[in-house]
Amino acid sequence: MTGEPPGSARSAADRLLAVLAAFDHGHPALCLTDIARRAGLSLTTAHRLVTALTAWGALERDGDGVYHVGLRLWEVAALAPRGLALRQAALPYLEDLYEATHENVQLAVRDGAEVVYVEWLSGRSAVGVQIRVGARWPLHATGVGLALLAHGDPGFQERYCAGPLGSFTPHTLTDPARLRRTLADVRRTGTAVSDRQITDDALSVAAPVRGPSGEVTAAVSVVVPHETAEVPVLTPAVRLAARGISRALGWRPGRSGG
């Protein structure tokens, strides 16, 4: 049986979080045995923790005995200021950007060295993307990620650029010097362009979203087919959406970062 090694010093909180971390986009439904294996816990410990989480509402058990993330956990997550509140403020501007382009529109925030997508509007005939709400990608490989990284702490930027930089297509930015130049261009122009970095057929144009003090808190982008992309046409629309969301969050021109 897979479980913790003898003498393990993992705290009760660590074990509880390990159970929740067993669920991800690739594993949204798990049986108890799978939870124990993915969390690195004994079956007995996993059963005790899963029972407690289910009683609280963080997990739900269906008729087949399979566990899913529960609504109570979603209710708590919705309180995150970079989650539901941000999405609600941004949605009217995301919808406007979608109506102007009829392409994929995305809103994302930074979490460590990754970008996390908090909203996504998809067009029926838009280019296919490997994105959904809650998905994560390395910062250097996406337009929103480049916009966020470019406005991050200089020390963090340097550590990130030093690598390693994962590659997904032949076009992914993996050269530290080239990435540094790209980030400088993003700061200079106010927009980021990610061309075929995750898939060979998509290009994204992104712009930073600012909070009340002018700090960059999120980024918005539109993703279009590479072959038909017209960056000069898309750029004003994306920047207008970013500016509208920033205003909705309390930013005003002339403040820091404005």
C-alpha atoms as a PDB file:
ATOM      1  CA  MET A   1       0.000   0.000   0.000  1.00  0.00           C
ATOM      2  CA  THR A   2       1.315   3.415  -0.906  1.00  0.00           C
ATOM      3  CA  GLY A   3       1.650   5.677   2.124  1.00  0.00           C
ATOM      4  CA  GLU A   4       3.897   7.890   4.181  1.00  0.00           C
ATOM      5  CA  PRO A   5       7.344   6.630   5.117  1.00  0.00           C
ATOM      6  CA  PRO A   6       7.944   5.663   8.770  1.00  0.00           C
ATOM      7  CA  GLY A   7       8.701   8.687  10.922  1.00  0.00           C
ATOM      8  CA  SER A   8       7.150  11.111   8.473  1.00  0.00           C
ATOM      9  CA  ALA A   9       7.036  14.616   9.944  1.00  0.00           C
ATOM     10  CA  ARG A  10       4.151  15.849   7.803  1.00  0.00           C
ATOM     11  CA  SER A  11       1.727  17.874   9.887  1.00  0.00           C
ATOM     12  CA  ALA A  12      -2.016  17.347   9.932  1.00  0.00           C
ATOM     13  CA  ALA A  13      -2.425  20.471   7.806  1.00  0.00           C
ATOM     14  CA  ASP A  14       0.102  19.152   5.276  1.00  0.00           C
ATOM     15  CA  ARG A  15      -1.811  15.902   4.967  1.00  0.00           C
ATOM     16  CA  LEU A  16      -5.127  17.718   4.587  1.00  0.00           C
ATOM     17  CA  LEU A  17      -3.723  19.935   1.851  1.00  0.00           C
ATOM     18  CA  ALA A  18      -2.185  16.902   0.140  1.00  0.00           C
ATOM     19  CA  VAL A  19      -5.658  15.378  -0.154  1.00  0.00           C
ATOM     20  CA  LEU A  20      -7.024  18.517  -1.807  1.00  0.00           C
ATOM     21  CA  ALA A  21      -3.950  18.788  -4.054  1.00  0.00           C
ATOM     22  CA  ALA A  22      -4.655  15.281  -5.337  1.00  0.00           C
ATOM     23  CA  PHE A  23      -7.394  16.833  -7.468  1.00  0.00           C
ATOM     24  CA  ASP A  24      -6.443  18.783 -10.590  1.00  0.00           C
ATOM     25  CA  HIS A  25      -7.714  19.373 -14.126  1.00  0.00           C
ATOM     26  CA  GLY A  26      -6.434  15.970 -15.168  1.00  0.00           C
ATOM     27  CA  HIS A  27      -7.929  14.250 -12.137  1.00  0.00           C
ATOM     28  CA  PRO A  28     -11.237  15.966 -11.219  1.00  0.00           C
ATOM     29  CA  ALA A  29     -12.784  12.753  -9.849  1.00  0.00           C
ATOM     30  CA  LEU A  30     -10.928  10.252  -7.668  1.00  0.00           C
ATOM     31  CA  CYS A  31     -11.717   7.150  -5.659  1.00  0.00           C
ATOM     32  CA  LEU A  32     -10.324   6.838  -2.138  1.00  0.00           C
ATOM     33  CA  THR A  33      -7.453   4.592  -3.232  1.00  0.00           C
ATOM     34  CA  ASP A  34      -6.360   7.096  -5.873  1.00  0.00           C
ATOM     35  CA  ILE A  35      -6.549   9.966  -3.382  1.00  0.00           C
ATOM     36  CA  ALA A  36      -4.322   8.060  -0.958  1.00  0.00           C
ATOM     37  CA  ARG A  37      -1.816   7.221  -3.698  1.00  0.00           C
ATOM     38  CA  ARG A  38      -1.664  10.740  -5.172  1.00  0.00           C
ATOM     39  CA  ALA A  39      -1.449  12.348  -1.705  1.00  0.00           C
ATOM     40  CA  GLY A  40       1.215   9.911  -0.518  1.00  0.00           C
ATOM     41  CA  LEU A  41      -0.897   8.790   2.439  1.00  0.00           C
ATOM     42  CA  SER A  42      -1.917   5.479   3.908  1.00  0.00           C
ATOM     43  CA  LEU A  43      -5.428   4.375   3.048  1.00  0.00           C
ATOM     44  CA  THR A  44      -6.472   4.721   6.688  1.00  0.00           C
ATOM     45  CA  THR A  45      -5.207   8.301   6.952  1.00  0.00           C
ATOM     46  CA  ALA A  46      -6.713   9.240   3.622  1.00  0.00           C
ATOM     47  CA  HIS A  47     -10.087   7.810   4.638  1.00  0.00           C
ATOM     48  CA  ARG A  48     -10.094   9.810   7.877  1.00  0.00           C
ATOM     49  CA  LEU A  49      -9.211  13.077   6.137  1.00  0.00           C
ATOM     50  CA  VAL A  50     -11.566  12.540   3.210  1.00  0.00           C
ATOM     51  CA  THR A  51     -14.407  11.820   5.630  1.00  0.00           C
ATOM     52  CA  ALA A  52     -13.738  15.091   7.470  1.00  0.00           C
ATOM     53  CA  LEU A  53     -13.489  17.093   4.240  1.00  0.00           C
ATOM     54  CA  THR A  54     -16.704  15.554   2.923  1.00  0.00           C
ATOM     55  CA  ALA A  55     -18.555  16.348   6.140  1.00  0.00           C
ATOM     56  CA  TRP A  56     -17.440  19.977   5.860  1.00  0.00           C
ATOM     57  CA  GLY A  57     -18.372  20.189   2.171  1.00  0.00           C
ATOM     58  CA  ALA A  58     -14.909  20.559   0.652  1.00  0.00           C
ATOM     59  CA  LEU A  59     -15.404  17.212  -1.105  1.00  0.00           C
ATOM     60  CA  GLU A  60     -18.529  15.471  -2.387  1.00  0.00           C
ATOM     61  CA  ARG A  61     -19.042  11.731  -2.892  1.00  0.00           C
ATOM     62  CA  ASP A  62     -21.229  10.503  -5.734  1.00  0.00           C
ATOM     63  CA  GLY A  63     -23.300   7.335  -5.954  1.00  0.00           C
ATOM     64  CA  ASP A  64     -20.358   5.334  -7.272  1.00  0.00           C
ATOM     65  CA  GLY A  65     -18.167   6.250  -4.323  1.00  0.00           C
ATOM     66  CA  VAL A  66     -16.058   8.672  -6.367  1.00  0.00           C
ATOM     67  CA  TYR A  67     -15.040  12.000  -4.828  1.00  0.00           C
ATOM     68  CA  HIS A  68     -15.212  15.452  -6.428  1.00  0.00           C
ATOM     69  CA  VAL A  69     -14.341  18.952  -5.210  1.00  0.00           C
ATOM     70  CA  GLY A  70     -17.310  20.260  -3.232  1.00  0.00           C
ATOM     71  CA  LEU A  71     -19.289  23.478  -3.465  1.00  0.00           C
ATOM     72  CA  ARG A  72     -18.158  24.630  -0.009  1.00  0.00           C
ATOM     73  CA  LEU A  73     -14.578  24.838  -1.256  1.00  0.00           C
ATOM     74  CA  TRP A  74     -15.759  26.817  -4.283  1.00  0.00           C
ATOM     75  CA  GLU A  75     -17.618  29.233  -1.992  1.00  0.00           C
ATOM     76  CA  VAL A  76     -14.436  29.919  -0.035  1.00  0.00           C
ATOM     77  CA  ALA A  77     -12.319  30.256  -3.201  1.00  0.00           C
ATOM     78  CA  ALA A  78     -14.812  32.782  -4.581  1.00  0.00           C
ATOM     79  CA  LEU A  79     -13.744  35.182  -1.800  1.00  0.00           C
ATOM     80  CA  ALA A  80     -10.262  35.527  -3.312  1.00  0.00           C
ATOM     81  CA  PRO A  81      -9.862  39.141  -4.532  1.00  0.00           C
ATOM     82  CA  ARG A  82      -8.086  37.928  -7.681  1.00  0.00           C
ATOM     83  CA  GLY A  83     -10.888  35.468  -8.408  1.00  0.00           C
ATOM     84  CA  LEU A  84     -14.603  36.146  -8.575  1.00  0.00           C
ATOM     85  CA  ALA A  85     -14.392  39.867  -7.740  1.00  0.00           C
ATOM     86  CA  LEU A  86     -11.854  40.443 -10.510  1.00  0.00           C
ATOM     87  CA  ARG A  87     -13.921  38.431 -12.981  1.00  0.00           C
ATOM     88  CA  GLN A  88     -17.072  40.394 -12.174  1.00  0.00           C
ATOM     89  CA  ALA A  89     -15.320  43.735 -12.668  1.00  0.00           C
ATOM     90  CA  ALA A  90     -13.690  42.587 -15.885  1.00  0.00           C
ATOM     91  CA  LEU A  91     -16.535  40.715 -17.558  1.00  0.00           C
ATOM     92  CA  PRO A  92     -18.229  43.689 -19.319  1.00  0.00           C
ATOM     93  CA  TYR A  93     -14.913  44.669 -20.918  1.00  0.00           C
ATOM     94  CA  LEU A  94     -14.060  41.090 -21.827  1.00  0.00           C
ATOM     95  CA  GLU A  95     -17.444  40.793 -23.524  1.00  0.00           C
ATOM     96  CA  ASP A  96     -16.798  44.019 -25.444  1.00  0.00           C
ATOM     97  CA  LEU A  97     -13.424  42.667 -26.585  1.00  0.00           C
ATOM     98  CA  TYR A  98     -15.069  39.441 -27.669  1.00  0.00           C
ATOM     99  CA  GLU A  99     -17.753  41.296 -29.635  1.00  0.00           C
ATOM    100  CA  ALA A 100     -15.058  43.335 -31.357  1.00  0.00           C
ATOM    101  CA  THR A 101     -13.005  40.289 -32.373  1.00  0.00           C
ATOM    102  CA  HIS A 102     -15.142  37.128 -32.003  1.00  0.00           C
ATOM    103  CA  GLU A 103     -11.952  35.401 -30.910  1.00  0.00           C
ATOM    104  CA  ASN A 104     -10.805  33.800 -27.658  1.00  0.00           C
ATOM    105  CA  VAL A 105     -10.583  36.378 -24.854  1.00  0.00           C
ATOM    106  CA  GLN A 106      -8.713  35.637 -21.633  1.00  0.00           C
ATOM    107  CA  LEU A 107      -8.119  37.163 -18.214  1.00  0.00           C
ATOM    108  CA  ALA A 108      -5.258  35.904 -16.057  1.00  0.00           C
ATOM    109  CA  VAL A 109      -3.274  36.598 -12.890  1.00  0.00           C
ATOM    110  CA  ARG A 110       0.205  35.578 -11.777  1.00  0.00           C
ATOM    111  CA  ASP A 111       0.800  32.927  -9.134  1.00  0.00           C
ATOM    112  CA  GLY A 112       4.497  32.494  -8.565  1.00  0.00           C
ATOM    113  CA  ALA A 113       6.181  31.479 -11.818  1.00  0.00           C
ATOM    114  CA  GLU A 114       2.892  30.635 -13.511  1.00  0.00           C
ATOM    115  CA  VAL A 115      -0.066  32.385 -15.045  1.00  0.00           C
ATOM    116  CA  VAL A 116      -3.518  31.272 -13.859  1.00  0.00           C
ATOM    117  CA  TYR A 117      -6.547  31.885 -16.070  1.00  0.00           C
ATOM    118  CA  VAL A 118      -9.541  33.258 -14.153  1.00  0.00           C
ATOM    119  CA  GLU A 119     -11.870  33.924 -17.111  1.00  0.00           C
ATOM    120  CA  TRP A 120     -12.106  32.790 -20.715  1.00  0.00           C
ATOM    121  CA  LEU A 121     -14.608  33.634 -23.451  1.00  0.00           C
ATOM    122  CA  SER A 122     -14.428  31.362 -26.497  1.00  0.00           C
ATOM    123  CA  GLY A 123     -15.681  32.002 -29.993  1.00  0.00           C
ATOM    124  CA  ARG A 124     -17.336  29.158 -31.903  1.00  0.00           C
ATOM    125  CA  SER A 125     -14.986  29.436 -34.844  1.00  0.00           C
ATOM    126  CA  ALA A 126     -11.993  30.780 -32.906  1.00  0.00           C
ATOM    127  CA  VAL A 127      -8.629  29.062 -32.935  1.00  0.00           C
ATOM    128  CA  GLY A 128      -8.385  26.133 -30.547  1.00  0.00           C
ATOM    129  CA  VAL A 129      -6.419  26.851 -27.363  1.00  0.00           C
ATOM    130  CA  GLN A 130      -5.242  24.697 -24.484  1.00  0.00           C
ATOM    131  CA  ILE A 131      -6.792  27.033 -21.931  1.00  0.00           C
ATOM    132  CA  ARG A 132      -9.675  26.896 -19.489  1.00  0.00           C
ATOM    133  CA  VAL A 133     -10.522  28.646 -16.235  1.00  0.00           C
ATOM    134  CA  GLY A 134      -8.068  27.515 -13.579  1.00  0.00           C
ATOM    135  CA  ALA A 135      -5.438  26.357 -16.083  1.00  0.00           C
ATOM    136  CA  ARG A 136      -1.787  27.207 -15.453  1.00  0.00           C
ATOM    137  CA  TRP A 137       1.084  27.862 -17.856  1.00  0.00           C
ATOM    138  CA  PRO A 138       4.634  29.166 -17.405  1.00  0.00           C
ATOM    139  CA  LEU A 139       4.804  32.939 -17.635  1.00  0.00           C
ATOM    140  CA  HIS A 140       7.169  33.127 -20.613  1.00  0.00           C
ATOM    141  CA  ALA A 141       4.979  30.991 -22.898  1.00  0.00           C
ATOM    142  CA  THR A 142       1.826  33.145 -23.062  1.00  0.00           C
ATOM    143  CA  GLY A 143       0.892  36.717 -23.893  1.00  0.00           C
ATOM    144  CA  VAL A 144      -0.742  37.343 -20.517  1.00  0.00           C
ATOM    145  CA  GLY A 145       2.246  35.748 -18.815  1.00  0.00           C
ATOM    146  CA  LEU A 146       4.681  38.042 -20.611  1.00  0.00           C
ATOM    147  CA  ALA A 147       2.580  41.080 -19.673  1.00  0.00           C
ATOM    148  CA  LEU A 148       2.601  40.037 -16.025  1.00  0.00           C
ATOM    149  CA  LEU A 149       6.271  39.052 -15.935  1.00  0.00           C
ATOM    150  CA  ALA A 150       7.357  42.307 -17.578  1.00  0.00           C
ATOM    151  CA  HIS A 151       5.811  44.298 -14.741  1.00  0.00           C
ATOM    152  CA  GLY A 152       6.961  42.044 -11.926  1.00  0.00           C
ATOM    153  CA  ASP A 153       9.688  42.695  -9.387  1.00  0.00           C
ATOM    154  CA  PRO A 154      13.056  43.082 -11.173  1.00  0.00           C
ATOM    155  CA  GLY A 155      14.673  40.494  -8.934  1.00  0.00           C
ATOM    156  CA  PHE A 156      11.960  37.973  -9.693  1.00  0.00           C
ATOM    157  CA  GLN A 157      12.267  38.720 -13.410  1.00  0.00           C
ATOM    158  CA  GLU A 158      15.985  38.027 -13.361  1.00  0.00           C
ATOM    159  CA  ARG A 159      15.563  34.753 -11.485  1.00  0.00           C
ATOM    160  CA  TYR A 160      12.844  33.692 -13.900  1.00  0.00           C
ATOM    161  CA  CYS A 161      14.834  34.617 -17.008  1.00  0.00           C
ATOM    162  CA  ALA A 162      17.782  32.619 -15.703  1.00  0.00           C
ATOM    163  CA  GLY A 163      15.660  29.532 -16.310  1.00  0.00           C
ATOM    164  CA  PRO A 164      14.974  26.806 -16.839  1.00  0.00           C
ATOM    165  CA  LEU A 165      12.503  27.916 -19.521  1.00  0.00           C
ATOM    166  CA  GLY A 166      10.218  25.145 -20.725  1.00  0.00           C
ATOM    167  CA  SER A 167       9.612  24.668 -24.459  1.00  0.00           C
ATOM    168  CA  PHE A 168       6.298  23.718 -26.067  1.00  0.00           C
ATOM    169  CA  THR A 169       6.894  24.532 -29.743  1.00  0.00           C
ATOM    170  CA  PRO A 170       9.952  25.551 -31.787  1.00  0.00           C
ATOM    171  CA  HIS A 171       8.831  29.166 -31.253  1.00  0.00           C
ATOM    172  CA  THR A 172       8.732  29.148 -27.434  1.00  0.00           C
ATOM    173  CA  LEU A 173      10.962  31.771 -25.819  1.00  0.00           C
ATOM    174  CA  THR A 174      13.710  29.730 -24.171  1.00  0.00           C
ATOM    175  CA  ASP A 175      16.729  32.019 -24.591  1.00  0.00           C
ATOM    176  CA  PRO A 176      17.209  34.192 -21.465  1.00  0.00           C
ATOM    177  CA  ALA A 177      18.670  37.135 -23.395  1.00  0.00           C
ATOM    178  CA  ARG A 178      15.825  37.113 -25.895  1.00  0.00           C
ATOM    179  CA  LEU A 179      13.268  36.892 -23.094  1.00  0.00           C
ATOM    180  CA  ARG A 180      14.819  39.894 -21.352  1.00  0.00           C
ATOM    181  CA  ARG A 181      14.614  41.907 -24.594  1.00  0.00           C
ATOM    182  CA  THR A 182      11.004  40.845 -25.059  1.00  0.00           C
ATOM    183  CA  LEU A 183      10.081  41.979 -21.542  1.00  0.00           C
ATOM    184  CA  ALA A 184      11.724  45.352 -22.169  1.00  0.00           C
ATOM    185  CA  ASP A 185       9.635  45.710 -25.333  1.00  0.00           C
ATOM    186  CA  VAL A 186       6.469  44.864 -23.383  1.00  0.00           C
ATOM    187  CA  ARG A 187       7.208  47.612 -20.858  1.00  0.00           C
ATOM    188  CA  ARG A 188       7.986  50.075 -23.650  1.00  0.00           C
ATOM    189  CA  THR A 189       4.929  49.357 -25.815  1.00  0.00           C
ATOM    190  CA  GLY A 190       2.380  48.428 -23.149  1.00  0.00           C
ATOM    191  CA  THR A 191       1.448  45.191 -24.939  1.00  0.00           C
ATOM    192  CA  ALA A 192       2.813  41.672 -25.247  1.00  0.00           C
ATOM    193  CA  VAL A 193       2.665  39.458 -28.320  1.00  0.00           C
ATOM    194  CA  SER A 194       3.046  35.696 -27.938  1.00  0.00           C
ATOM    195  CA  ASP A 195       3.402  34.024 -31.322  1.00  0.00           C
ATOM    196  CA  ARG A 196       2.976  30.222 -31.552  1.00  0.00           C
ATOM    197  CA  GLN A 197       4.574  29.627 -28.167  1.00  0.00           C
ATOM    198  CA  ILE A 198       2.180  26.947 -26.897  1.00  0.00           C
ATOM    199  CA  THR A 199       0.598  25.767 -30.151  1.00  0.00           C
ATOM    200  CA  ASP A 200       1.822  26.189 -33.717  1.00  0.00           C
ATOM    201  CA  ASP A 201      -1.316  27.967 -34.910  1.00  0.00           C
ATOM    202  CA  ALA A 202      -2.116  30.645 -32.326  1.00  0.00           C
ATOM    203  CA  LEU A 203      -0.992  34.199 -31.598  1.00  0.00           C
ATOM    204  CA  SER A 204      -2.045  36.275 -28.610  1.00  0.00           C
ATOM    205  CA  VAL A 205      -1.938  39.990 -27.899  1.00  0.00           C
ATOM    206  CA  ALA A 206      -2.062  40.946 -24.215  1.00  0.00           C
ATOM    207  CA  ALA A 207      -2.037  44.059 -22.050  1.00  0.00           C
ATOM    208  CA  PRO A 208      -1.592  44.580 -18.304  1.00  0.00           C
ATOM    209  CA  VAL A 209      -4.467  45.395 -15.966  1.00  0.00           C
ATOM    210  CA  ARG A 210      -3.699  47.789 -13.108  1.00  0.00           C
ATOM    211  CA  GLY A 211      -5.099  48.074  -9.618  1.00  0.00           C
ATOM    212  CA  PRO A 212      -5.930  51.235  -7.627  1.00  0.00           C
ATOM    213  CA  SER A 213      -2.286  52.140  -6.992  1.00  0.00           C
ATOM    214  CA  GLY A 214      -1.167  51.450 -10.543  1.00  0.00           C
ATOM    215  CA  GLU A 215       0.298  48.043  -9.750  1.00  0.00           C
ATOM    216  CA  VAL A 216      -0.227  45.354 -12.394  1.00  0.00           C
ATOM    217  CA  THR A 217      -2.660  42.835 -10.934  1.00  0.00           C
ATOM    218  CA  ALA A 218      -3.829  40.921 -14.009  1.00  0.00           C
ATOM    219  CA  ALA A 219      -3.582  40.775 -17.789  1.00  0.00           C
ATOM    220  CA  VAL A 220      -6.118  40.482 -20.593  1.00  0.00           C
ATOM    221  CA  SER A 221      -5.535  38.991 -24.032  1.00  0.00           C
ATOM    222  CA  VAL A 222      -7.130  37.957 -27.288  1.00  0.00           C
ATOM    223  CA  VAL A 223      -5.960  34.789 -29.047  1.00  0.00           C
ATOM    224  CA  VAL A 224      -6.277  34.534 -32.827  1.00  0.00           C
ATOM    225  CA  PRO A 225      -5.048  32.246 -35.626  1.00  0.00           C
ATOM    226  CA  HIS A 226      -1.404  32.988 -36.429  1.00  0.00           C
ATOM    227  CA  GLU A 227      -1.992  32.997 -40.184  1.00  0.00           C
ATOM    228  CA  THR A 228      -4.607  35.753 -40.102  1.00  0.00           C
ATOM    229  CA  ALA A 229      -3.378  37.747 -37.105  1.00  0.00           C
ATOM    230  CA  GLU A 230      -3.361  41.522 -37.522  1.00  0.00           C
ATOM    231  CA  VAL A 231      -1.477  42.702 -34.464  1.00  0.00           C
ATOM    232  CA  PRO A 232      -1.786  46.462 -35.228  1.00  0.00           C
ATOM    233  CA  VAL A 233      -5.576  46.056 -35.440  1.00  0.00           C
ATOM    234  CA  LEU A 234      -5.886  43.930 -32.288  1.00  0.00           C
ATOM    235  CA  THR A 235      -3.592  46.005 -30.094  1.00  0.00           C
ATOM    236  CA  PRO A 236      -5.880  49.051 -29.566  1.00  0.00           C
ATOM    237  CA  ALA A 237      -8.845  46.799 -28.714  1.00  0.00           C
ATOM    238  CA  VAL A 238      -6.858  44.826 -26.147  1.00  0.00           C
ATOM    239  CA  ARG A 239      -5.382  47.947 -24.579  1.00  0.00           C
ATOM    240  CA  LEU A 240      -8.852  49.531 -24.392  1.00  0.00           C
ATOM    241  CA  ALA A 241     -10.196  46.459 -22.573  1.00  0.00           C
ATOM    242  CA  ALA A 242      -7.261  46.482 -20.151  1.00  0.00           C
ATOM    243  CA  ARG A 243      -7.764  50.190 -19.479  1.00  0.00           C
ATOM    244  CA  GLY A 244     -11.481  49.669 -18.840  1.00  0.00           C
ATOM    245  CA  ILE A 245     -10.870  46.836 -16.400  1.00  0.00           C
ATOM    246  CA  SER A 246      -8.196  48.902 -14.643  1.00  0.00           C
ATOM    247  CA  ARG A 247     -10.647  51.778 -14.199  1.00  0.00           C
ATOM    248  CA  ALA A 248     -13.266  49.366 -12.856  1.00  0.00           C
ATOM    249  CA  LEU A 249     -10.707  48.220 -10.272  1.00  0.00           C
ATOM    250  CA  GLY A 250     -10.064  51.801  -9.151  1.00  0.00           C
ATOM    251  CA  TRP A 251      -7.058  52.823 -11.234  1.00  0.00           C
ATOM    252  CA  ARG A 252      -6.981  56.364 -12.602  1.00  0.00           C
ATOM    253  CA  PRO A 253      -4.628  57.837 -15.234  1.00  0.00           C
ATOM    254  CA  GLY A 254      -1.640  59.596 -13.776  1.00  0.00           C
ATOM    255  CA  ARG A 255      -1.200  57.232 -10.857  1.00  0.00           C
ATOM    256  CA  SER A 256       1.861  55.018 -10.534  1.00  0.00           C
ATOM    257  CA  GLY A 257       2.238  52.854 -13.614  1.00  0.00           C
ATOM    258  CA  GLY A 258      -0.302  54.928 -15.538  1.00  0.00           C
END
